[in-house]
Amino acid sequence: PPAQKASRAAAPAVEVWCSNPAAQVIYAALKPGTPASSEALTKAWKGPEGLRARLRTVKTGEELPLGGARRLRFTAAPTPRWPDTVATFDPESGILFTSKLFSAHVATKTTGADEDVTDVGLGFDEFGGDWRYFFDCMLAPMARPAARALTTLAPYVGDDPDASSGGAERPKSVAPGLTRLLLKFAEPFAGDKVYVPKPAKMSAIAPLHGPVVRSARNELVREYRVWVDAQVKSADDFSVAVIYASAYGNTSAMAQAIARGITKAGVAVEMLNCELSTNEEIEALIKKTDGFCIGAPTLGGHMPTPVSNALGVIVKESTREFPAGVFGSFGWSGEAVDLMEARLKDGGFDFAFSPIRCKFKPTQETLQICEESGTDLAQSVKKIRRKKQSEKTKQVSAGSSFGQSDTAAAVGRIVGSLCAVTAKKDDAQSAMLASWVSQASFNPPALTVAVAKERAVESFLLKGSNFNLNVLQAGNEKDTMKALLKPFKPGENRFGDMEVEISERNGCAIVTEALSYLECEVTERMECGDHWVVLATVREGKLLKEEGLTAIHHRKTGTSY
């Protein structure tokens, strides 16, 4: 109607506050004729009556007045995956909005009640594993930027007490309490109510995913520092570079999954978005890492210019001693992956995994292939490193081999039943041979399984996940062992020639030649050195063979399976 058109024409343009990287993405989307252009955004941004919105980039420390005394304060906290991240603090409520930092992949109730959307009454005991898993998947590969973000947010989340006071408890100021006491005393004598300003102190952390953190906020911040410091220290020792560009987020999701696979294998990751980096930064990174992989989308039949420039630096500066890998997403053709592979192959590089191509958005199966490829890359790097240090290792072990071998031999006398763990996540299946299995409870029936962090199936065994434990039969276990112990390529069928059926209850595989099987649900996970110990409740079970004994795994040393 004409009245509405006149109203829109008279309305001022909406002001969009965002970081500079976010502004660059919006500008690219508004520019016609480019791979990143968005017709829908352009139409919404600019109408016949003129601009409907305009951008304003914000910097750390800037504030947005909301009326009265209320305001929002911004702090830039960029990472390679999310360079546009801005944390927002509301001094009135004390809530710090942290985007991806301190997130967890768990859903809270939607009633709106405070106890349903926060960790109050639950705290670290309930969500600690979820916060850690999110960190391991999303932020561990970006430990240095995450460390910088924690430092930037220190005015709100607090300084590291160990760093600032040598671990001693810092004295508390009496000023705030004294001020409140004096104001309370003065209130009866004042004509109007005395205004007590709310302190700019954080009362809660509101991340993008998971619960609002109230009761466990100090503990979570402290644990984040421990996790970040461990990753940074590991990266200082040796690491793998994951270099990429991403047009629509698909390639960056692949890069994140590859990085997750690398960190699972105990190798640190240095992630770098080459669209936001200089050639000098790429050169510095490639010279200090022990391997790399590079990913790109296909735009107009080519790889993006920043990726081409990064490849030029890599071919010129990187040693051919370390392994490489390529990956990428595409909409129609996918030439970028072939171009990157050919350029590196011509440059004399060896590949730790086959090129990964993904059409449009990566599925769970594709992400699992990426994760397993990252683990293969990390294993290749570790193999080269072990070879380099073999002589040094022999010298160190020679002086104390008796005590070590004696302890290892004693630990090795602990026996376990041979089982096949089978699990499912979305459209992906996985399996492994397990011998570190033990019953943990009579009522409810429960068991524990130790899973090496670098195992592909580890990410299938999160809290709330289902899996089947197939107990192998003595004398009939060799075919299953052979099938599960052979090396697998990323994404390869884990079952091979094994005869399996799919459970109607949980969708996980049942090894038909097993002695029995148990359908389990993960209830807790505990980190134990280089393994996770998974506690699971047995939901269903069935004896497949009336006669027969459990296959037992005997070892001579406790330093390997």
Protein backbone atom coordinates (compact mmCIF):
# COMPACT_ATOMS: atom_id res chain seq x y z
CA PRO A 1 0.00 0.00 0.00
CA PRO A 2 1.12 3.60 -0.62
CA ALA A 3 1.12 4.38 3.12
CA GLN A 4 3.53 1.53 3.85
CA LYS A 5 5.81 2.56 0.96
CA ALA A 6 5.87 6.12 2.27
CA SER A 7 6.63 4.83 5.77
CA ARG A 8 9.54 2.72 4.49
CA ALA A 9 10.88 5.64 2.49
CA ALA A 10 10.81 7.88 5.57
CA ALA A 11 12.39 5.27 7.88
CA PRO A 12 16.10 5.72 8.55
CA ALA A 13 18.50 3.01 7.40
CA VAL A 14 19.22 0.27 9.90
CA GLU A 15 22.74 0.48 11.27
CA VAL A 16 24.50 -2.91 11.35
CA TRP A 17 27.35 -3.11 13.83
CA CYS A 18 29.95 -5.78 13.08
CA SER A 19 33.66 -6.51 13.02
CA ASN A 20 35.81 -5.58 10.05
CA PRO A 21 36.09 -9.19 8.77
CA ALA A 22 32.30 -9.51 8.92
CA ALA A 23 31.96 -6.25 7.01
CA GLN A 24 34.25 -7.58 4.27
CA VAL A 25 32.03 -10.66 3.90
CA ILE A 26 28.92 -8.46 3.63
CA TYR A 27 30.60 -6.14 1.10
CA ALA A 28 31.57 -9.16 -1.02
CA ALA A 29 28.01 -10.48 -0.86
CA LEU A 30 26.64 -7.10 -1.99
CA LYS A 31 29.05 -6.88 -4.92
CA PRO A 32 27.33 -8.24 -8.06
CA GLY A 33 28.94 -10.71 -10.42
CA THR A 34 31.26 -12.39 -7.89
CA PRO A 35 31.15 -15.96 -6.51
CA ALA A 36 30.28 -14.57 -3.09
CA SER A 37 27.49 -12.23 -4.23
CA SER A 38 24.03 -12.73 -2.75
CA GLU A 39 21.01 -11.52 -4.66
CA ALA A 40 18.73 -11.93 -1.63
CA LEU A 41 21.00 -9.83 0.59
CA THR A 42 21.38 -7.16 -2.07
CA LYS A 43 17.60 -6.92 -2.46
CA ALA A 44 17.08 -6.66 1.28
CA TRP A 45 19.92 -4.17 1.72
CA LYS A 46 18.94 -1.71 -0.99
CA GLY A 47 15.40 -1.00 -2.18
CA PRO A 48 13.84 1.46 -4.62
CA GLU A 49 13.65 4.03 -1.83
CA GLY A 50 17.39 3.78 -1.15
CA LEU A 51 19.60 2.03 1.38
CA ARG A 52 17.76 0.11 4.04
CA ALA A 53 20.91 -0.65 6.04
CA ARG A 54 24.43 0.64 6.48
CA LEU A 55 27.49 -0.87 8.08
CA ARG A 56 29.49 0.30 11.04
CA THR A 57 32.60 -1.62 12.00
CA VAL A 58 33.38 -1.84 15.69
CA LYS A 59 36.66 -2.19 17.52
CA THR A 60 37.56 -3.55 20.92
CA GLY A 61 36.37 -1.19 23.66
CA GLU A 62 33.61 0.51 21.64
CA GLU A 63 30.17 0.76 23.23
CA LEU A 64 26.63 0.84 21.89
CA PRO A 65 24.21 2.98 23.97
CA LEU A 66 20.83 1.31 24.45
CA GLY A 67 19.11 4.21 26.18
CA GLY A 68 19.49 5.53 29.69
CA ALA A 69 22.62 4.23 31.35
CA ARG A 70 22.53 0.85 29.62
CA ARG A 71 25.11 0.01 27.00
CA LEU A 72 26.86 -2.90 25.31
CA ARG A 73 30.64 -3.15 25.18
CA PHE A 74 32.42 -5.01 22.35
CA THR A 75 35.64 -7.01 22.27
CA ALA A 76 37.05 -8.56 19.10
CA ALA A 77 38.00 -12.23 19.56
CA PRO A 78 38.86 -13.54 16.06
CA THR A 79 39.95 -17.07 15.15
CA PRO A 80 40.85 -18.50 11.70
CA ARG A 81 37.49 -20.29 11.45
CA TRP A 82 35.49 -17.35 12.81
CA PRO A 83 37.47 -14.16 12.04
CA ASP A 84 34.36 -12.03 12.53
CA THR A 85 33.82 -13.03 16.18
CA VAL A 86 32.99 -10.23 18.60
CA ALA A 87 32.29 -10.83 22.28
CA THR A 88 29.67 -8.54 23.83
CA PHE A 89 29.41 -7.52 27.48
CA ASP A 90 26.29 -6.11 29.13
CA PRO A 91 27.45 -4.28 32.31
CA GLU A 92 23.86 -3.96 33.55
CA SER A 93 23.24 -7.71 33.76
CA GLY A 94 26.86 -8.81 33.93
CA ILE A 95 26.34 -11.23 31.04
CA LEU A 96 29.23 -11.82 28.65
CA PHE A 97 28.16 -13.10 25.22
CA THR A 98 31.15 -15.09 23.93
CA SER A 99 30.00 -16.59 20.60
CA LYS A 100 31.87 -19.92 20.12
CA LEU A 101 34.05 -19.62 23.21
CA PHE A 102 32.79 -21.72 26.17
CA SER A 103 30.17 -23.42 23.96
CA ALA A 104 28.91 -27.01 24.17
CA HIS A 105 26.97 -29.10 21.68
CA VAL A 106 24.07 -29.78 24.02
CA ALA A 107 20.52 -28.50 23.92
CA THR A 108 18.75 -26.91 26.88
CA LYS A 109 15.03 -26.69 27.49
CA THR A 110 13.09 -23.90 25.83
CA THR A 111 10.80 -22.89 28.69
CA GLY A 112 12.80 -19.72 29.29
CA ALA A 113 13.16 -20.44 33.02
CA ASP A 114 16.62 -19.60 34.29
CA GLU A 115 17.18 -23.09 35.69
CA ASP A 116 16.39 -24.63 32.28
CA VAL A 117 18.86 -22.62 30.20
CA THR A 118 21.78 -22.33 32.63
CA ASP A 119 24.13 -24.72 34.41
CA VAL A 120 22.76 -23.75 37.85
CA GLY A 121 22.52 -26.86 40.03
CA LEU A 122 24.45 -28.91 37.46
CA GLY A 123 27.75 -27.17 36.79
CA PHE A 124 30.92 -28.86 35.64
CA ASP A 125 29.82 -32.32 36.74
CA GLU A 126 27.02 -32.29 34.17
CA PHE A 127 28.49 -30.26 31.31
CA GLY A 128 32.26 -30.58 31.80
CA GLY A 129 32.58 -33.35 29.22
CA ASP A 130 30.49 -31.41 26.70
CA TRP A 131 32.56 -28.24 27.13
CA ARG A 132 35.76 -30.23 26.73
CA TYR A 133 34.53 -32.03 23.62
CA PHE A 134 33.51 -28.76 21.95
CA PHE A 135 36.92 -27.31 22.77
CA ASP A 136 38.72 -30.38 21.39
CA CYS A 137 36.72 -30.29 18.15
CA MET A 138 36.51 -26.57 17.48
CA LEU A 139 39.12 -24.62 19.42
CA ALA A 140 42.06 -26.96 20.08
CA PRO A 141 43.19 -26.57 16.43
CA MET A 142 43.17 -22.79 16.99
CA ALA A 143 44.83 -22.74 20.40
CA ARG A 144 46.93 -19.61 19.85
CA PRO A 145 44.00 -17.44 18.70
CA ALA A 146 41.92 -18.92 21.54
CA ALA A 147 44.66 -17.98 24.00
CA ARG A 148 44.68 -14.43 22.65
CA ALA A 149 40.90 -14.29 22.97
CA LEU A 150 41.11 -15.34 26.64
CA THR A 151 43.70 -12.65 27.24
CA THR A 152 41.50 -10.05 25.54
CA LEU A 153 38.51 -11.09 27.65
CA ALA A 154 40.53 -11.10 30.90
CA PRO A 155 38.85 -7.89 32.18
CA TYR A 156 35.59 -9.87 32.31
CA VAL A 157 36.56 -13.50 32.92
CA GLY A 158 39.46 -12.60 35.23
CA ASP A 159 43.22 -12.81 35.00
CA ASP A 160 45.07 -16.05 35.47
CA PRO A 161 45.86 -16.06 39.19
CA ASP A 162 48.96 -18.19 38.69
CA ALA A 163 50.33 -15.75 36.15
CA SER A 164 49.59 -12.59 38.08
CA SER A 165 50.30 -13.56 41.66
CA GLY A 166 52.48 -16.64 41.54
CA GLY A 167 49.62 -18.85 42.61
CA ALA A 168 48.99 -16.99 45.87
CA GLU A 169 45.49 -15.88 46.70
CA ARG A 170 45.01 -12.23 45.81
CA PRO A 171 43.71 -9.95 48.53
CA LYS A 172 40.16 -8.77 48.07
CA SER A 173 39.41 -5.07 48.00
CA VAL A 174 37.17 -3.74 50.79
CA ALA A 175 36.08 -0.75 48.70
CA PRO A 176 32.94 -2.23 47.08
CA GLY A 177 31.60 -3.53 50.38
CA LEU A 178 32.38 -0.26 52.15
CA THR A 179 30.62 1.70 49.41
CA ARG A 180 27.47 -0.42 49.71
CA LEU A 181 27.49 -0.02 53.50
CA LEU A 182 27.77 3.77 53.32
CA LEU A 183 25.05 4.03 50.65
CA LYS A 184 22.73 1.84 52.70
CA PHE A 185 23.33 4.03 55.75
CA ALA A 186 22.62 7.20 53.72
CA GLU A 187 19.44 5.93 52.06
CA PRO A 188 16.97 6.83 54.90
CA PHE A 189 18.20 10.43 54.81
CA ALA A 190 17.95 10.91 51.07
CA GLY A 191 14.90 12.49 49.43
CA ASP A 192 15.00 10.06 46.55
CA LYS A 193 16.16 6.50 46.35
CA VAL A 194 19.91 6.27 46.28
CA TYR A 195 21.18 4.87 42.97
CA VAL A 196 23.69 2.10 43.42
CA PRO A 197 25.50 1.47 40.11
CA LYS A 198 25.85 -2.17 39.20
CA PRO A 199 29.48 -3.22 39.01
CA ALA A 200 30.87 -4.16 35.62
CA LYS A 201 31.50 -7.69 36.80
CA MET A 202 30.67 -10.84 34.87
CA SER A 203 27.79 -12.80 36.35
CA ALA A 204 27.32 -15.29 33.52
CA ILE A 205 28.79 -16.48 30.23
CA ALA A 206 26.29 -16.79 27.37
CA PRO A 207 27.90 -18.78 24.53
CA LEU A 208 26.41 -19.44 21.13
CA HIS A 209 25.79 -23.14 21.89
CA GLY A 210 24.90 -24.93 25.09
CA PRO A 211 23.86 -23.65 28.52
CA VAL A 212 24.36 -20.18 29.94
CA VAL A 213 27.24 -20.66 32.37
CA ARG A 214 26.60 -19.27 35.84
CA SER A 215 27.69 -21.60 38.62
CA ALA A 216 30.68 -23.11 36.79
CA ARG A 217 31.94 -20.00 35.04
CA ASN A 218 35.15 -19.65 37.08
CA GLU A 219 35.95 -23.35 36.81
CA LEU A 220 35.25 -23.37 33.07
CA VAL A 221 37.51 -20.37 32.46
CA ARG A 222 40.25 -22.00 34.53
CA GLU A 223 39.94 -25.28 32.60
CA TYR A 224 39.98 -23.40 29.28
CA ARG A 225 43.32 -21.91 30.22
CA VAL A 226 44.67 -25.37 31.06
CA TRP A 227 43.40 -26.81 27.76
CA VAL A 228 44.69 -23.88 25.71
CA ASP A 229 48.10 -23.87 27.40
CA ALA A 230 48.49 -27.61 26.78
CA GLN A 231 47.73 -27.18 23.07
CA VAL A 232 50.06 -24.19 22.69
CA LYS A 233 52.86 -26.08 24.44
CA SER A 234 52.29 -29.05 22.14
CA ALA A 235 52.36 -26.75 19.09
CA ASP A 236 55.67 -25.31 20.26
CA ASP A 237 57.06 -28.86 20.21
CA PHE A 238 55.79 -29.89 16.76
CA SER A 239 52.61 -29.34 14.77
CA VAL A 240 50.81 -29.68 11.43
CA ALA A 241 49.48 -26.75 9.40
CA VAL A 242 45.92 -26.75 8.05
CA ILE A 243 45.70 -23.96 5.45
CA TYR A 244 42.44 -23.20 3.67
CA ALA A 245 40.01 -20.74 2.12
CA SER A 246 36.24 -21.12 2.20
CA ALA A 247 33.49 -19.40 0.25
CA TYR A 248 30.37 -20.78 1.93
CA GLY A 249 31.72 -22.53 5.03
CA ASN A 250 31.87 -26.03 3.51
CA THR A 251 35.64 -26.15 3.05
CA SER A 252 36.19 -24.67 6.51
CA ALA A 253 34.01 -27.44 7.99
CA MET A 254 36.23 -29.99 6.25
CA ALA A 255 39.34 -28.22 7.55
CA GLN A 256 37.91 -28.33 11.07
CA ALA A 257 37.28 -32.09 10.83
CA ILE A 258 40.80 -32.73 9.52
CA ALA A 259 42.22 -30.65 12.35
CA ARG A 260 40.18 -32.66 14.84
CA GLY A 261 41.69 -35.88 13.49
CA ILE A 262 45.20 -34.46 13.84
CA THR A 263 44.72 -33.38 17.45
CA LYS A 264 43.15 -36.76 18.31
CA ALA A 265 46.44 -38.37 17.33
CA GLY A 266 48.31 -36.20 19.81
CA VAL A 267 49.71 -33.68 17.32
CA ALA A 268 49.01 -29.97 17.60
CA VAL A 269 47.43 -28.00 14.75
CA GLU A 270 48.10 -24.52 13.43
CA MET A 271 45.06 -23.42 11.39
CA LEU A 272 45.36 -20.54 8.95
CA ASN A 273 42.73 -18.93 6.74
CA CYS A 274 44.82 -17.79 3.77
CA GLU A 275 42.16 -15.27 2.73
CA LEU A 276 43.04 -13.30 5.86
CA SER A 277 46.79 -13.95 5.90
CA THR A 278 49.87 -12.56 4.21
CA ASN A 279 52.50 -14.53 2.31
CA GLU A 280 54.91 -13.77 5.14
CA GLU A 281 52.57 -15.38 7.68
CA ILE A 282 52.18 -18.46 5.48
CA GLU A 283 55.95 -18.72 5.06
CA ALA A 284 56.55 -18.45 8.81
CA LEU A 285 53.93 -21.12 9.48
CA ILE A 286 55.17 -23.59 6.88
CA LYS A 287 58.75 -23.29 8.14
CA LYS A 288 57.88 -24.20 11.73
CA THR A 289 55.41 -27.06 11.11
CA ASP A 290 56.17 -30.72 10.31
CA GLY A 291 53.53 -31.26 7.66
CA PHE A 292 50.57 -29.54 6.07
CA CYS A 293 47.33 -29.89 4.16
CA ILE A 294 45.63 -27.25 2.06
CA GLY A 295 41.98 -26.87 1.08
CA ALA A 296 39.98 -24.70 -1.27
CA PRO A 297 36.56 -24.35 -2.89
CA THR A 298 36.24 -24.31 -6.67
CA LEU A 299 35.19 -20.89 -7.93
CA GLY A 300 34.56 -20.55 -11.65
CA GLY A 301 36.64 -23.65 -12.40
CA HIS A 302 39.65 -22.37 -10.46
CA MET A 303 41.05 -22.23 -6.97
CA PRO A 304 40.76 -18.84 -5.18
CA THR A 305 43.70 -16.47 -5.66
CA PRO A 306 44.72 -16.56 -1.96
CA VAL A 307 45.08 -20.37 -2.19
CA SER A 308 47.13 -20.10 -5.37
CA ASN A 309 49.40 -17.58 -3.66
CA ALA A 310 49.70 -19.83 -0.60
CA LEU A 311 50.66 -22.78 -2.82
CA GLY A 312 53.39 -20.66 -4.37
CA VAL A 313 54.85 -19.97 -0.93
CA ILE A 314 54.56 -23.64 0.09
CA VAL A 315 56.27 -24.98 -3.05
CA LYS A 316 59.07 -22.47 -2.60
CA GLU A 317 59.63 -22.71 1.16
CA SER A 318 58.45 -26.12 2.45
CA THR A 319 60.75 -29.12 2.76
CA ARG A 320 59.76 -32.21 0.78
CA GLU A 321 60.55 -34.34 3.81
CA PHE A 322 57.15 -33.76 5.41
CA PRO A 323 53.78 -35.19 4.23
CA ALA A 324 50.99 -33.17 2.62
CA GLY A 325 47.30 -33.41 1.79
CA VAL A 326 44.65 -31.59 -0.26
CA PHE A 327 40.90 -31.23 0.15
CA GLY A 328 38.06 -29.02 -1.04
CA SER A 329 34.38 -28.52 -1.76
CA PHE A 330 32.62 -27.59 -4.97
CA GLY A 331 29.22 -27.02 -6.50
CA TRP A 332 29.57 -28.34 -10.02
CA SER A 333 33.05 -29.21 -11.27
CA GLY A 334 35.66 -29.34 -8.48
CA GLU A 335 38.83 -28.49 -10.41
CA ALA A 336 40.52 -26.80 -7.43
CA VAL A 337 41.41 -30.08 -5.71
CA ASP A 338 42.96 -31.48 -8.90
CA LEU A 339 44.91 -28.28 -9.46
CA MET A 340 46.30 -28.28 -5.91
CA GLU A 341 47.18 -31.97 -6.08
CA ALA A 342 48.96 -31.60 -9.45
CA ARG A 343 50.94 -28.56 -8.32
CA LEU A 344 52.16 -30.27 -5.14
CA LYS A 345 52.87 -33.55 -6.91
CA ASP A 346 54.90 -31.72 -9.56
CA GLY A 347 56.72 -29.99 -6.71
CA GLY A 348 57.87 -33.33 -5.29
CA PHE A 349 55.57 -33.63 -2.28
CA ASP A 350 54.28 -36.93 -0.86
CA PHE A 351 50.68 -37.25 0.29
CA ALA A 352 49.55 -38.73 3.61
CA PHE A 353 45.98 -39.26 2.37
CA SER A 354 44.08 -39.33 -0.90
CA PRO A 355 42.54 -36.03 -2.06
CA ILE A 356 39.15 -35.36 -0.46
CA ARG A 357 36.41 -33.90 -2.61
CA CYS A 358 33.01 -32.83 -1.31
CA LYS A 359 30.06 -31.69 -3.39
CA PHE A 360 28.13 -28.95 -1.62
CA LYS A 361 27.77 -29.38 2.16
CA PRO A 362 29.82 -32.19 3.77
CA THR A 363 27.79 -35.07 5.23
CA GLN A 364 28.66 -36.85 8.46
CA GLU A 365 30.30 -39.56 6.38
CA THR A 366 32.46 -36.98 4.58
CA LEU A 367 33.45 -35.33 7.85
CA GLN A 368 34.42 -38.75 9.22
CA ILE A 369 36.67 -39.28 6.17
CA CYS A 370 38.22 -35.86 6.84
CA GLU A 371 38.81 -36.70 10.49
CA GLU A 372 40.40 -40.05 9.69
CA SER A 373 42.55 -38.41 7.00
CA GLY A 374 43.76 -35.90 9.58
CA THR A 375 44.72 -38.79 11.86
CA ASP A 376 46.63 -40.45 8.98
CA LEU A 377 48.50 -37.18 8.37
CA ALA A 378 49.40 -36.91 12.06
CA GLN A 379 50.57 -40.54 12.13
CA SER A 380 52.81 -39.90 9.12
CA VAL A 381 54.33 -36.88 10.87
CA LYS A 382 54.88 -38.87 14.06
CA LYS A 383 56.51 -41.71 12.12
CA ILE A 384 59.02 -39.31 10.56
CA ARG A 385 59.68 -37.74 13.93
CA ARG A 386 60.22 -41.13 15.61
CA LYS A 387 62.68 -42.08 12.91
CA LYS A 388 64.61 -38.87 13.50
CA GLN A 389 64.77 -39.40 17.23
CA SER A 390 65.40 -43.17 17.19
CA GLU A 391 69.06 -42.93 18.16
CA LYS A 392 68.34 -40.46 20.94
CA THR A 393 65.50 -42.65 22.22
CA LYS A 394 67.77 -45.71 22.30
CA GLN A 395 70.37 -43.83 24.32
CA VAL A 396 67.79 -42.59 26.84
CA SER A 397 66.14 -45.98 27.26
CA ALA A 398 69.44 -47.86 27.57
CA GLY A 399 70.18 -46.41 30.98
CA SER A 400 66.89 -47.43 32.59
CA SER A 401 65.52 -50.24 30.44
CA PHE A 402 65.40 -52.78 33.26
CA GLY A 403 63.00 -50.83 35.45
CA GLN A 404 60.84 -49.84 32.49
CA SER A 405 60.65 -53.33 30.98
CA ASP A 406 60.01 -54.91 34.39
CA THR A 407 57.05 -52.58 35.03
CA ALA A 408 55.79 -53.00 31.48
CA ALA A 409 55.97 -56.77 31.81
CA ALA A 410 54.02 -56.66 35.06
CA VAL A 411 51.31 -54.42 33.59
CA GLY A 412 51.17 -56.67 30.55
CA ARG A 413 49.95 -59.56 32.66
CA ILE A 414 46.57 -57.84 33.00
CA VAL A 415 44.27 -59.69 30.64
CA GLY A 416 41.05 -58.65 28.95
CA SER A 417 38.28 -60.17 26.87
CA LEU A 418 38.47 -59.66 23.12
CA CYS A 419 35.49 -57.71 21.83
CA ALA A 420 34.40 -55.84 18.71
CA VAL A 421 32.99 -52.39 19.40
CA THR A 422 30.58 -51.25 16.67
CA ALA A 423 29.02 -47.79 16.57
CA LYS A 424 26.94 -45.56 14.33
CA LYS A 425 26.66 -41.78 13.95
CA ASP A 426 24.20 -40.42 11.41
CA ASP A 427 25.14 -42.08 8.09
CA ALA A 428 28.58 -43.29 9.23
CA GLN A 429 29.49 -46.65 10.81
CA SER A 430 32.69 -47.49 12.68
CA ALA A 431 34.25 -50.39 14.58
CA MET A 432 37.36 -51.39 16.50
CA LEU A 433 38.86 -54.38 18.28
CA ALA A 434 38.88 -53.85 22.06
CA SER A 435 40.47 -55.79 24.89
CA TRP A 436 40.48 -53.24 27.70
CA VAL A 437 36.91 -54.05 28.72
CA SER A 438 35.54 -54.59 32.21
CA GLN A 439 32.18 -54.89 33.96
CA ALA A 440 31.61 -51.86 36.18
CA SER A 441 28.22 -52.41 37.87
CA PHE A 442 25.65 -55.10 38.69
CA ASN A 443 22.60 -52.83 38.90
CA PRO A 444 22.19 -51.27 36.48
CA PRO A 445 24.45 -53.51 34.39
CA ALA A 446 27.34 -51.35 33.19
CA LEU A 447 30.80 -51.73 31.69
CA THR A 448 33.86 -49.69 30.78
CA VAL A 449 35.83 -49.65 27.54
CA ALA A 450 39.18 -47.90 27.11
CA VAL A 451 39.48 -46.20 23.70
CA ALA A 452 42.68 -44.63 22.35
CA LYS A 453 42.17 -40.95 21.57
CA GLU A 454 43.34 -41.37 17.99
CA ARG A 455 40.86 -44.16 17.17
CA ALA A 456 38.27 -43.25 14.56
CA VAL A 457 35.50 -44.76 16.67
CA GLU A 458 36.32 -42.42 19.59
CA SER A 459 34.14 -39.63 18.24
CA PHE A 460 31.24 -42.10 17.99
CA LEU A 461 31.37 -42.81 21.73
CA LEU A 462 30.27 -39.51 23.25
CA LYS A 463 27.94 -39.17 26.20
CA GLY A 464 24.45 -40.31 25.16
CA SER A 465 25.72 -42.29 22.16
CA ASN A 466 24.88 -45.94 21.50
CA PHE A 467 27.22 -48.77 20.59
CA ASN A 468 27.33 -52.57 20.56
CA LEU A 469 29.94 -54.62 22.39
CA ASN A 470 30.36 -57.94 20.57
CA VAL A 471 32.14 -60.48 22.81
CA LEU A 472 34.28 -62.79 20.64
CA GLN A 473 34.39 -66.56 21.10
CA ALA A 474 37.66 -68.36 21.87
CA GLY A 475 38.74 -70.37 18.83
CA ASN A 476 36.44 -68.41 16.51
CA GLU A 477 37.92 -64.93 16.87
CA LYS A 478 40.67 -64.87 14.24
CA ASP A 479 38.59 -63.77 11.24
CA THR A 480 37.07 -60.86 13.19
CA MET A 481 40.49 -59.87 14.55
CA LYS A 482 42.01 -59.97 11.08
CA ALA A 483 39.22 -57.83 9.65
CA LEU A 484 39.49 -55.18 12.37
CA LEU A 485 43.28 -55.07 12.72
CA LYS A 486 44.10 -54.40 9.08
CA PRO A 487 44.90 -50.78 8.11
CA PHE A 488 41.88 -48.85 6.86
CA LYS A 489 41.79 -46.02 4.39
CA PRO A 490 39.67 -43.02 5.47
CA GLY A 491 36.01 -43.85 4.92
CA GLU A 492 36.66 -47.51 4.10
CA ASN A 493 34.12 -50.11 5.26
CA ARG A 494 35.30 -51.24 8.70
CA PHE A 495 33.51 -54.58 8.53
CA GLY A 496 35.13 -55.92 5.36
CA ASP A 497 34.21 -59.59 4.95
CA MET A 498 32.76 -59.87 8.46
CA GLU A 499 29.20 -61.12 8.70
CA VAL A 500 27.15 -58.48 10.50
CA GLU A 501 23.53 -57.59 11.03
CA ILE A 502 22.15 -54.17 11.96
CA SER A 503 20.32 -53.82 15.26
CA GLU A 504 16.77 -52.56 14.91
CA ARG A 505 17.05 -50.80 18.29
CA ASN A 506 20.18 -48.69 17.91
CA GLY A 507 21.30 -49.12 14.28
CA CYS A 508 24.74 -50.48 15.26
CA ALA A 509 26.27 -53.61 13.78
CA ILE A 510 26.02 -57.05 15.42
CA VAL A 511 28.85 -59.48 14.67
CA THR A 512 26.97 -62.72 14.01
CA GLU A 513 30.01 -64.90 14.79
CA ALA A 514 30.37 -63.36 18.27
CA LEU A 515 29.68 -65.28 21.46
CA SER A 516 27.28 -62.57 22.64
CA TYR A 517 26.50 -58.92 22.12
CA LEU A 518 25.47 -56.05 24.39
CA GLU A 519 23.63 -52.91 23.29
CA CYS A 520 25.03 -50.04 25.35
CA GLU A 521 24.56 -46.32 25.95
CA VAL A 522 27.47 -44.10 26.97
CA THR A 523 26.77 -42.43 30.33
CA GLU A 524 30.18 -40.94 31.20
CA ARG A 525 33.68 -40.43 29.78
CA MET A 526 36.90 -39.99 31.72
CA GLU A 527 40.20 -38.82 30.24
CA CYS A 528 43.06 -41.17 31.16
CA GLY A 529 46.35 -40.17 29.54
CA ASP A 530 46.30 -41.29 25.92
CA HIS A 531 42.90 -43.03 26.25
CA TRP A 532 39.30 -42.24 27.08
CA VAL A 533 37.58 -44.59 29.51
CA VAL A 534 33.94 -44.89 28.44
CA LEU A 535 31.34 -45.90 31.03
CA ALA A 536 28.23 -47.38 29.44
CA THR A 537 24.95 -48.79 30.67
CA VAL A 538 23.85 -52.07 29.07
CA ARG A 539 20.36 -51.64 27.62
CA GLU A 540 19.92 -55.02 25.95
CA GLY A 541 21.98 -58.19 25.52
CA LYS A 542 21.81 -61.57 23.86
CA LEU A 543 23.81 -64.78 23.99
CA LEU A 544 24.40 -65.90 20.39
CA LYS A 545 26.11 -69.19 21.19
CA GLU A 546 25.13 -71.40 24.13
CA GLU A 547 28.45 -73.24 24.13
CA GLY A 548 31.83 -71.54 24.06
CA LEU A 549 34.21 -69.43 26.11
CA THR A 550 35.19 -65.79 25.86
CA ALA A 551 38.32 -65.07 23.81
CA ILE A 552 41.05 -63.69 26.09
CA HIS A 553 43.88 -61.38 25.06
CA HIS A 554 47.23 -62.21 26.69
CA ARG A 555 50.14 -59.77 26.44
CA LYS A 556 53.82 -59.73 27.37
CA THR A 557 54.15 -55.97 27.82
CA GLY A 558 52.00 -53.12 29.08
CA THR A 559 53.37 -50.63 26.54
CA SER A 560 51.21 -51.84 23.65
CA TYR A 561 48.11 -53.87 22.90
